[in-house]
Amino acid sequence: AHDAIDLLRVQLETHPRKSDVKILEPGMSF
């Protein structure tokens, strides 16, 4: 279940728009 989000977190470490990607855990709001 968490394979994709784990990979995305790694990719975001060097992504220029890291701060604009909002990863929400279940129940969290933006």
PDB file of all heavy atoms in Angstrom:
ATOM      1  N   ALA A   1       0.805  -1.221   0.000  1.00  0.00           N
ATOM      2  CA  ALA A   1       0.000   0.000   0.000  1.00  0.00           C
ATOM      3  C   ALA A   1       0.838   1.270   0.000  1.00  0.00           C
ATOM      4  O   ALA A   1       0.419   2.299  -0.541  1.00  0.00           O
ATOM      5  CB  ALA A   1      -0.936  -0.011   1.210  1.00  0.00           C
ATOM      6  N   HIS A   2       2.024   1.234   0.606  1.00  0.00           N
ATOM      7  CA  HIS A   2       2.824   2.446   0.745  1.00  0.00           C
ATOM      8  C   HIS A   2       4.009   2.510  -0.217  1.00  0.00           C
ATOM      9  O   HIS A   2       4.813   3.456  -0.131  1.00  0.00           O
ATOM     10  CB  HIS A   2       3.324   2.584   2.187  1.00  0.00           C
ATOM     11  CG  HIS A   2       2.234   2.928   3.164  1.00  0.00           C
ATOM     12  ND1 HIS A   2       1.422   1.958   3.713  1.00  0.00           N
ATOM     13  CD2 HIS A   2       1.813   4.116   3.663  1.00  0.00           C
ATOM     14  CE1 HIS A   2       0.551   2.535   4.531  1.00  0.00           C
ATOM     15  NE2 HIS A   2       0.755   3.837   4.513  1.00  0.00           N
ATOM     16  N   ASP A   3       4.106   1.584  -1.136  1.00  0.00           N
ATOM     17  CA  ASP A   3       5.243   1.596  -2.061  1.00  0.00           C
ATOM     18  C   ASP A   3       5.298   2.889  -2.871  1.00  0.00           C
ATOM     19  O   ASP A   3       6.361   3.494  -3.028  1.00  0.00           O
ATOM     20  CB  ASP A   3       5.186   0.399  -3.018  1.00  0.00           C
ATOM     21  CG  ASP A   3       5.573  -0.915  -2.348  1.00  0.00           C
ATOM     22  OD1 ASP A   3       6.026  -0.869  -1.190  1.00  0.00           O
ATOM     23  OD2 ASP A   3       5.399  -1.971  -2.977  1.00  0.00           O
ATOM     24  N   ALA A   4       4.157   3.317  -3.408  1.00  0.00           N
ATOM     25  CA  ALA A   4       4.143   4.495  -4.277  1.00  0.00           C
ATOM     26  C   ALA A   4       4.498   5.763  -3.503  1.00  0.00           C
ATOM     27  O   ALA A   4       5.294   6.584  -3.970  1.00  0.00           O
ATOM     28  CB  ALA A   4       2.784   4.642  -4.958  1.00  0.00           C
ATOM     29  N   ILE A   5       3.928   5.939  -2.327  1.00  0.00           N
ATOM     30  CA  ILE A   5       4.204   7.171  -1.586  1.00  0.00           C
ATOM     31  C   ILE A   5       5.634   7.184  -1.067  1.00  0.00           C
ATOM     32  O   ILE A   5       6.274   8.252  -1.006  1.00  0.00           O
ATOM     33  CB  ILE A   5       3.180   7.369  -0.441  1.00  0.00           C
ATOM     34  CG1 ILE A   5       3.172   8.827   0.027  1.00  0.00           C
ATOM     35  CG2 ILE A   5       3.445   6.429   0.716  1.00  0.00           C
ATOM     36  CD1 ILE A   5       2.706   9.810  -1.008  1.00  0.00           C
ATOM     37  N   ASP A   6       6.175   6.016  -0.730  1.00  0.00           N
ATOM     38  CA  ASP A   6       7.573   5.952  -0.308  1.00  0.00           C
ATOM     39  C   ASP A   6       8.490   6.391  -1.445  1.00  0.00           C
ATOM     40  O   ASP A   6       9.455   7.141  -1.224  1.00  0.00           O
ATOM     41  CB  ASP A   6       7.933   4.536   0.138  1.00  0.00           C
ATOM     42  CG  ASP A   6       7.283   4.151   1.464  1.00  0.00           C
ATOM     43  OD1 ASP A   6       6.808   5.058   2.188  1.00  0.00           O
ATOM     44  OD2 ASP A   6       7.247   2.942   1.770  1.00  0.00           O
ATOM     45  N   LEU A   7       8.186   5.931  -2.664  1.00  0.00           N
ATOM     46  CA  LEU A   7       8.987   6.322  -3.820  1.00  0.00           C
ATOM     47  C   LEU A   7       8.827   7.815  -4.099  1.00  0.00           C
ATOM     48  O   LEU A   7       9.810   8.510  -4.398  1.00  0.00           O
ATOM     49  CB  LEU A   7       8.568   5.504  -5.042  1.00  0.00           C
ATOM     50  CG  LEU A   7       9.277   5.834  -6.358  1.00  0.00           C
ATOM     51  CD1 LEU A   7      10.787   5.678  -6.232  1.00  0.00           C
ATOM     52  CD2 LEU A   7       8.749   4.941  -7.483  1.00  0.00           C
ATOM     53  N   LEU A   8       7.604   8.322  -4.002  1.00  0.00           N
ATOM     54  CA  LEU A   8       7.391   9.746  -4.253  1.00  0.00           C
ATOM     55  C   LEU A   8       8.180  10.602  -3.265  1.00  0.00           C
ATOM     56  O   LEU A   8       8.768  11.628  -3.640  1.00  0.00           O
ATOM     57  CB  LEU A   8       5.905  10.079  -4.169  1.00  0.00           C
ATOM     58  CG  LEU A   8       5.542  11.543  -4.436  1.00  0.00           C
ATOM     59  CD1 LEU A   8       5.883  11.938  -5.871  1.00  0.00           C
ATOM     60  CD2 LEU A   8       4.062  11.807  -4.157  1.00  0.00           C
ATOM     61  N   ARG A   9       8.207  10.218  -2.010  1.00  0.00           N
ATOM     62  CA  ARG A   9       8.968  10.987  -1.020  1.00  0.00           C
ATOM     63  C   ARG A   9      10.441  11.069  -1.399  1.00  0.00           C
ATOM     64  O   ARG A   9      11.073  12.127  -1.238  1.00  0.00           O
ATOM     65  CB  ARG A   9       8.812  10.364   0.367  1.00  0.00           C
ATOM     66  CG  ARG A   9       7.414  10.486   0.962  1.00  0.00           C
ATOM     67  CD  ARG A   9       7.377   9.890   2.367  1.00  0.00           C
ATOM     68  NE  ARG A   9       6.045   9.684   2.856  1.00  0.00           N
ATOM     69  CZ  ARG A   9       5.279  10.607   3.458  1.00  0.00           C
ATOM     70  NH1 ARG A   9       5.765  11.825   3.599  1.00  0.00           N
ATOM     71  NH2 ARG A   9       4.068  10.311   3.887  1.00  0.00           N
ATOM     72  N   VAL A  10      10.982   9.976  -1.908  1.00  0.00           N
ATOM     73  CA  VAL A  10      12.379   9.977  -2.344  1.00  0.00           C
ATOM     74  C   VAL A  10      12.568  10.922  -3.532  1.00  0.00           C
ATOM     75  O   VAL A  10      13.513  11.722  -3.572  1.00  0.00           O
ATOM     76  CB  VAL A  10      12.832   8.548  -2.702  1.00  0.00           C
ATOM     77  CG1 VAL A  10      14.212   8.565  -3.363  1.00  0.00           C
ATOM     78  CG2 VAL A  10      12.849   7.665  -1.465  1.00  0.00           C
ATOM     79  N   GLN A  11      11.654  10.845  -4.497  1.00  0.00           N
ATOM     80  CA  GLN A  11      11.765  11.711  -5.675  1.00  0.00           C
ATOM     81  C   GLN A  11      11.644  13.188  -5.312  1.00  0.00           C
ATOM     82  O   GLN A  11      12.279  14.050  -5.921  1.00  0.00           O
ATOM     83  CB  GLN A  11      10.685  11.329  -6.698  1.00  0.00           C
ATOM     84  CG  GLN A  11      10.901   9.956  -7.327  1.00  0.00           C
ATOM     85  CD  GLN A  11       9.731   9.532  -8.190  1.00  0.00           C
ATOM     86  OE1 GLN A  11       8.579   9.595  -7.760  1.00  0.00           O
ATOM     87  NE2 GLN A  11      10.005   9.099  -9.405  1.00  0.00           N
ATOM     88  N   LEU A  12      10.843  13.481  -4.310  1.00  0.00           N
ATOM     89  CA  LEU A  12      10.626  14.872  -3.939  1.00  0.00           C
ATOM     90  C   LEU A  12      11.833  15.503  -3.249  1.00  0.00           C
ATOM     91  O   LEU A  12      11.938  16.736  -3.178  1.00  0.00           O
ATOM     92  CB  LEU A  12       9.404  14.994  -3.029  1.00  0.00           C
ATOM     93  CG  LEU A  12       8.047  14.814  -3.710  1.00  0.00           C
ATOM     94  CD1 LEU A  12       6.927  14.849  -2.671  1.00  0.00           C
ATOM     95  CD2 LEU A  12       7.813  15.888  -4.768  1.00  0.00           C
ATOM     96  N   GLU A  13      12.737  14.686  -2.747  1.00  0.00           N
ATOM     97  CA  GLU A  13      13.899  15.237  -2.056  1.00  0.00           C
ATOM     98  C   GLU A  13      14.681  16.201  -2.937  1.00  0.00           C
ATOM     99  O   GLU A  13      15.250  17.173  -2.447  1.00  0.00           O
ATOM    100  CB  GLU A  13      14.795  14.097  -1.572  1.00  0.00           C
ATOM    101  CG  GLU A  13      14.193  13.291  -0.422  1.00  0.00           C
ATOM    102  CD  GLU A  13      15.066  12.124  -0.016  1.00  0.00           C
ATOM    103  OE1 GLU A  13      16.160  11.962  -0.621  1.00  0.00           O
ATOM    104  OE2 GLU A  13      14.683  11.375   0.902  1.00  0.00           O
ATOM    105  N   THR A  14      14.708  15.954  -4.242  1.00  0.00           N
ATOM    106  CA  THR A  14      15.461  16.808  -5.161  1.00  0.00           C
ATOM    107  C   THR A  14      14.559  17.507  -6.178  1.00  0.00           C
ATOM    108  O   THR A  14      15.048  18.083  -7.141  1.00  0.00           O
ATOM    109  CB  THR A  14      16.521  15.980  -5.915  1.00  0.00           C
ATOM    110  OG1 THR A  14      15.874  14.889  -6.607  1.00  0.00           O
ATOM    111  CG2 THR A  14      17.560  15.421  -4.948  1.00  0.00           C
ATOM    112  N   HIS A  15      13.259  17.452  -5.966  1.00  0.00           N
ATOM    113  CA  HIS A  15      12.345  18.044  -6.933  1.00  0.00           C
ATOM    114  C   HIS A  15      12.231  19.545  -6.695  1.00  0.00           C
ATOM    115  O   HIS A  15      12.088  19.997  -5.547  1.00  0.00           O
ATOM    116  CB  HIS A  15      10.963  17.390  -6.833  1.00  0.00           C
ATOM    117  CG  HIS A  15      10.084  17.651  -8.001  1.00  0.00           C
ATOM    118  ND1 HIS A  15       9.313  18.782  -8.118  1.00  0.00           N
ATOM    119  CD2 HIS A  15       9.858  16.927  -9.135  1.00  0.00           C
ATOM    120  CE1 HIS A  15       8.642  18.745  -9.258  1.00  0.00           C
ATOM    121  NE2 HIS A  15       8.954  17.632  -9.898  1.00  0.00           N
ATOM    122  N   PRO A  16      12.258  20.364  -7.757  1.00  0.00           N
ATOM    123  CA  PRO A  16      12.229  21.815  -7.566  1.00  0.00           C
ATOM    124  C   PRO A  16      10.934  22.339  -6.960  1.00  0.00           C
ATOM    125  O   PRO A  16      10.908  23.442  -6.414  1.00  0.00           O
ATOM    126  CB  PRO A  16      12.443  22.367  -8.982  1.00  0.00           C
ATOM    127  CG  PRO A  16      12.058  21.250  -9.900  1.00  0.00           C
ATOM    128  CD  PRO A  16      12.436  20.000  -9.178  1.00  0.00           C
ATOM    129  N   ARG A  17       9.838  21.566  -7.051  1.00  0.00           N
ATOM    130  CA  ARG A  17       8.565  22.029  -6.501  1.00  0.00           C
ATOM    131  C   ARG A  17       8.133  21.176  -5.303  1.00  0.00           C
ATOM    132  O   ARG A  17       6.942  21.014  -5.034  1.00  0.00           O
ATOM    133  CB  ARG A  17       7.493  22.028  -7.586  1.00  0.00           C
ATOM    134  CG  ARG A  17       7.796  22.996  -8.744  1.00  0.00           C
ATOM    135  CD  ARG A  17       6.563  23.294  -9.551  1.00  0.00           C
ATOM    136  NE  ARG A  17       5.529  23.912  -8.718  1.00  0.00           N
ATOM    137  CZ  ARG A  17       4.259  24.054  -9.117  1.00  0.00           C
ATOM    138  NH1 ARG A  17       3.888  23.617 -10.317  1.00  0.00           N
ATOM    139  NH2 ARG A  17       3.368  24.627  -8.333  1.00  0.00           N
ATOM    140  N   LYS A  18       9.091  20.696  -4.576  1.00  0.00           N
ATOM    141  CA  LYS A  18       8.816  19.851  -3.417  1.00  0.00           C
ATOM    142  C   LYS A  18       7.804  20.484  -2.474  1.00  0.00           C
ATOM    143  O   LYS A  18       6.881  19.826  -1.984  1.00  0.00           O
ATOM    144  CB  LYS A  18      10.119  19.572  -2.674  1.00  0.00           C
ATOM    145  CG  LYS A  18       9.950  18.812  -1.374  1.00  0.00           C
ATOM    146  CD  LYS A  18      11.283  18.619  -0.671  1.00  0.00           C
ATOM    147  CE  LYS A  18      11.095  17.901   0.662  1.00  0.00           C
ATOM    148  NZ  LYS A  18      12.396  17.696   1.350  1.00  0.00           N
ATOM    149  N   SER A  19       7.938  21.786  -2.216  1.00  0.00           N
ATOM    150  CA  SER A  19       7.085  22.446  -1.230  1.00  0.00           C
ATOM    151  C   SER A  19       5.638  22.589  -1.704  1.00  0.00           C
ATOM    152  O   SER A  19       4.741  22.863  -0.896  1.00  0.00           O
ATOM    153  CB  SER A  19       7.643  23.830  -0.887  1.00  0.00           C
ATOM    154  OG  SER A  19       7.651  24.666  -2.030  1.00  0.00           O
ATOM    155  N   ASP A  20       5.394  22.396  -2.997  1.00  0.00           N
ATOM    156  CA  ASP A  20       4.041  22.525  -3.547  1.00  0.00           C
ATOM    157  C   ASP A  20       3.311  21.183  -3.623  1.00  0.00           C
ATOM    158  O   ASP A  20       2.150  21.144  -4.049  1.00  0.00           O
ATOM    159  CB  ASP A  20       4.096  23.150  -4.942  1.00  0.00           C
ATOM    160  CG  ASP A  20       4.666  24.559  -4.907  1.00  0.00           C
ATOM    161  OD1 ASP A  20       4.430  25.266  -3.914  1.00  0.00           O
ATOM    162  OD2 ASP A  20       5.354  24.935  -5.877  1.00  0.00           O
ATOM    163  N   VAL A  21       3.974  20.112  -3.243  1.00  0.00           N
ATOM    164  CA  VAL A  21       3.349  18.784  -3.195  1.00  0.00           C
ATOM    165  C   VAL A  21       2.949  18.514  -1.749  1.00  0.00           C
ATOM    166  O   VAL A  21       3.798  18.445  -0.855  1.00  0.00           O
ATOM    167  CB  VAL A  21       4.300  17.695  -3.715  1.00  0.00           C
ATOM    168  CG1 VAL A  21       3.630  16.317  -3.643  1.00  0.00           C
ATOM    169  CG2 VAL A  21       4.728  18.001  -5.149  1.00  0.00           C
ATOM    170  N   LYS A  22       1.662  18.390  -1.517  1.00  0.00           N
ATOM    171  CA  LYS A  22       1.126  18.240  -0.171  1.00  0.00           C
ATOM    172  C   LYS A  22       0.684  16.792   0.047  1.00  0.00           C
ATOM    173  O   LYS A  22      -0.346  16.364  -0.470  1.00  0.00           O
ATOM    174  CB  LYS A  22      -0.043  19.198   0.050  1.00  0.00           C
ATOM    175  CG  LYS A  22       0.290  20.666  -0.254  1.00  0.00           C
ATOM    176  CD  LYS A  22       1.438  21.180   0.617  1.00  0.00           C
ATOM    177  CE  LYS A  22       1.765  22.625   0.320  1.00  0.00           C
ATOM    178  NZ  LYS A  22       2.893  23.135   1.138  1.00  0.00           N
ATOM    179  N   ILE A  23       1.484  16.061   0.792  1.00  0.00           N
ATOM    180  CA  ILE A  23       1.159  14.662   1.091  1.00  0.00           C
ATOM    181  C   ILE A  23       0.303  14.638   2.351  1.00  0.00           C
ATOM    182  O   ILE A  23       0.749  15.054   3.427  1.00  0.00           O
ATOM    183  CB  ILE A  23       2.430  13.826   1.270  1.00  0.00           C
ATOM    184  CG1 ILE A  23       3.232  13.801  -0.041  1.00  0.00           C
ATOM    185  CG2 ILE A  23       2.089  12.401   1.721  1.00  0.00           C
ATOM    186  CD1 ILE A  23       4.580  13.109   0.061  1.00  0.00           C
ATOM    187  N   LEU A  24      -0.927  14.181   2.207  1.00  0.00           N
ATOM    188  CA  LEU A  24      -1.872  14.144   3.318  1.00  0.00           C
ATOM    189  C   LEU A  24      -2.049  12.712   3.802  1.00  0.00           C
ATOM    190  O   LEU A  24      -2.384  11.819   3.017  1.00  0.00           O
ATOM    191  CB  LEU A  24      -3.234  14.694   2.892  1.00  0.00           C
ATOM    192  CG  LEU A  24      -3.274  16.102   2.294  1.00  0.00           C
ATOM    193  CD1 LEU A  24      -4.719  16.478   1.958  1.00  0.00           C
ATOM    194  CD2 LEU A  24      -2.658  17.130   3.232  1.00  0.00           C
ATOM    195  N   GLU A  25      -1.836  12.487   5.080  1.00  0.00           N
ATOM    196  CA  GLU A  25      -2.203  11.211   5.673  1.00  0.00           C
ATOM    197  C   GLU A  25      -3.728  11.172   5.787  1.00  0.00           C
ATOM    198  O   GLU A  25      -4.387  12.221   5.808  1.00  0.00           O
ATOM    199  CB  GLU A  25      -1.567  11.067   7.056  1.00  0.00           C
ATOM    200  CG  GLU A  25      -0.040  11.071   7.062  1.00  0.00           C
ATOM    201  CD  GLU A  25       0.558   9.827   6.440  1.00  0.00           C
ATOM    202  OE1 GLU A  25      -0.156   8.800   6.359  1.00  0.00           O
ATOM    203  OE2 GLU A  25       1.742   9.886   6.042  1.00  0.00           O
ATOM    204  N   PRO A  26      -4.323   9.965   5.843  1.00  0.00           N
ATOM    205  CA  PRO A  26      -5.785   9.890   5.963  1.00  0.00           C
ATOM    206  C   PRO A  26      -6.301  10.733   7.123  1.00  0.00           C
ATOM    207  O   PRO A  26      -5.801  10.651   8.247  1.00  0.00           O
ATOM    208  CB  PRO A  26      -6.036   8.399   6.186  1.00  0.00           C
ATOM    209  CG  PRO A  26      -4.898   7.727   5.485  1.00  0.00           C
ATOM    210  CD  PRO A  26      -3.713   8.623   5.717  1.00  0.00           C
ATOM    211  N   GLY A  27      -7.278  11.576   6.816  1.00  0.00           N
ATOM    212  CA  GLY A  27      -7.863  12.460   7.815  1.00  0.00           C
ATOM    213  C   GLY A  27      -7.289  13.860   7.806  1.00  0.00           C
ATOM    214  O   GLY A  27      -7.882  14.770   8.386  1.00  0.00           O
ATOM    215  N   MET A  28      -6.151  14.057   7.152  1.00  0.00           N
ATOM    216  CA  MET A  28      -5.549  15.382   7.077  1.00  0.00           C
ATOM    217  C   MET A  28      -6.211  16.218   5.990  1.00  0.00           C
ATOM    218  O   MET A  28      -6.703  15.686   4.995  1.00  0.00           O
ATOM    219  CB  MET A  28      -4.048  15.287   6.805  1.00  0.00           C
ATOM    220  CG  MET A  28      -3.231  14.751   7.961  1.00  0.00           C
ATOM    221  SD  MET A  28      -1.441  14.630   7.559  1.00  0.00           S
ATOM    222  CE  MET A  28      -1.072  16.363   7.189  1.00  0.00           C
ATOM    223  N   SER A  29      -6.206  17.537   6.185  1.00  0.00           N
ATOM    224  CA  SER A  29      -6.814  18.470   5.235  1.00  0.00           C
ATOM    225  C   SER A  29      -5.784  19.478   4.761  1.00  0.00           C
ATOM    226  O   SER A  29      -4.803  19.768   5.455  1.00  0.00           O
ATOM    227  CB  SER A  29      -7.997  19.205   5.879  1.00  0.00           C
ATOM    228  OG  SER A  29      -9.004  18.308   6.291  1.00  0.00           O
ATOM    229  N   PHE A  30      -6.063  20.030   3.583  1.00  0.00           N
ATOM    230  CA  PHE A  30      -5.243  21.105   3.028  1.00  0.00           C
ATOM    231  C   PHE A  30      -6.164  22.252   2.654  1.00  0.00           C
ATOM    232  O   PHE A  30      -7.119  22.081   1.897  1.00  0.00           O
ATOM    233  CB  PHE A  30      -4.497  20.617   1.787  1.00  0.00           C
ATOM    234  CG  PHE A  30      -3.747  21.700   1.049  1.00  0.00           C
ATOM    235  CD1 PHE A  30      -2.620  22.292   1.607  1.00  0.00           C
ATOM    236  CD2 PHE A  30      -4.173  22.129  -0.195  1.00  0.00           C
ATOM    237  CE1 PHE A  30      -1.937  23.292   0.943  1.00  0.00           C
ATOM    238  CE2 PHE A  30      -3.493  23.131  -0.880  1.00  0.00           C
ATOM    239  CZ  PHE A  30      -2.367  23.721  -0.321  1.00  0.00           C
TER     240      PHE A  30
END
